[in-house]
Protein backbone atom coordinates (compact mmCIF):
# COMPACT_ATOMS: atom_id res chain seq x y z
CA UNK A 1 0.05 -0.13 0.18
CA UNK A 2 1.45 3.38 -0.63
CA UNK A 3 2.76 5.59 1.73
CA UNK A 4 2.40 9.12 -0.25
CA UNK A 5 -0.59 11.36 0.01
CA UNK A 6 -2.97 12.28 -2.66
CA UNK A 7 -2.24 15.43 -3.82
CA UNK A 8 -6.06 16.81 -5.72
CA UNK A 9 -4.63 16.18 -9.08
CA UNK A 10 -4.38 12.98 -8.32
CA UNK A 11 -7.49 12.13 -6.72
CA UNK A 12 -9.29 9.26 -8.22
CA UNK A 13 -12.74 10.76 -7.68
CA UNK A 14 -14.76 13.45 -9.32
CA UNK A 15 -16.16 16.26 -7.11
CA UNK A 16 -19.98 16.09 -8.23
CA UNK A 17 -19.63 12.52 -5.81
CA UNK A 18 -20.82 12.02 -1.91
CA UNK A 19 -18.78 11.84 0.70
CA UNK A 20 -19.51 7.38 0.83
CA UNK A 21 -18.43 7.36 -3.05
CA UNK A 22 -15.55 9.34 -2.90
CA UNK A 23 -14.53 7.14 -0.06
CA UNK A 24 -14.78 3.94 -2.07
CA UNK A 25 -12.82 4.91 -4.74
CA UNK A 26 -9.75 6.26 -2.43
CA UNK A 27 -10.15 2.71 -0.49
CA UNK A 28 -9.69 0.98 -3.98
CA UNK A 29 -6.79 3.08 -5.10
CA UNK A 30 -5.07 2.07 -2.31
CA UNK A 31 -6.25 -1.21 -2.38
CA UNK A 32 -7.69 -1.79 0.61
CA UNK A 33 -10.73 -3.42 1.56
CA UNK A 34 -13.33 -2.72 3.98
CA UNK A 35 -12.50 -5.01 6.35
CA UNK A 36 -8.58 -3.40 6.35
CA UNK A 37 -10.17 0.13 6.43
CA UNK A 38 -12.37 -0.65 9.07
CA UNK A 39 -9.57 -2.18 11.11
CA UNK A 40 -7.93 1.16 11.27
CA UNK A 41 -10.10 3.20 12.14
CA UNK A 42 -11.87 0.84 14.67
CA UNK A 43 -15.30 0.16 13.45
CA UNK A 44 -16.89 -3.25 11.35
CA UNK A 45 -16.78 -3.59 7.66
CA UNK A 46 -20.91 -3.31 7.51
CA UNK A 47 -20.28 0.16 8.45
CA UNK A 48 -17.88 0.92 5.74
CA UNK A 49 -20.41 -0.78 3.77
CA UNK A 50 -22.99 1.75 5.03
CA UNK A 51 -21.16 4.45 4.73
CA UNK A 52 -19.91 4.10 0.75
CA UNK A 53 -23.56 3.41 0.01
CA UNK A 54 -24.10 6.76 1.97
CA UNK A 55 -26.57 5.47 4.93
CA UNK A 56 -25.07 7.26 7.13
CA UNK A 57 -23.85 10.20 8.01
CA UNK A 58 -20.66 10.35 9.05
CA UNK A 59 -19.17 12.57 12.87
CA UNK A 60 -15.91 14.40 11.65
CA UNK A 61 -14.06 12.76 13.94
CA UNK A 62 -15.40 9.36 11.70
CA UNK A 63 -14.60 11.08 8.97
CA UNK A 64 -11.08 12.49 10.33
CA UNK A 65 -10.40 8.58 11.24
CA UNK A 66 -11.43 8.20 7.47
CA UNK A 67 -9.16 11.11 5.62
CA UNK A 68 -6.13 10.00 7.49
CA UNK A 69 -6.16 6.05 7.23
CA UNK A 70 -7.08 6.50 3.26
CA UNK A 71 -4.32 9.17 2.61
CA UNK A 72 -5.82 12.38 1.78
CA UNK A 73 -6.28 15.61 4.43
CA UNK A 74 -9.48 15.47 5.73
CA UNK A 75 -10.72 19.15 3.97
CA UNK A 76 -9.35 17.61 0.30
CA UNK A 77 -11.98 14.65 0.90
CA UNK A 78 -14.80 16.95 1.36
CA UNK A 79 -13.51 20.02 -0.66
CA UNK A 80 -17.41 20.70 -2.43
CA UNK A 81 -19.73 18.44 -0.34
């Protein structure tokens, strides 16, 4: 898995993507499973699945953990939402 933080021009998602869709695309770009992401942010795989399908509005603290796990700055992850 890459240890390089993304920069805006390298983001694998579109500006009109939802938070969940952005998470899914970034996770896949890092070749990370839902289980791996869940372990990194100390939650369940089913929560990650629901998050990626926009079934939940995550709390700010969760968004911070997700961004860190996906090697992206939070402001870049949520820009334009």
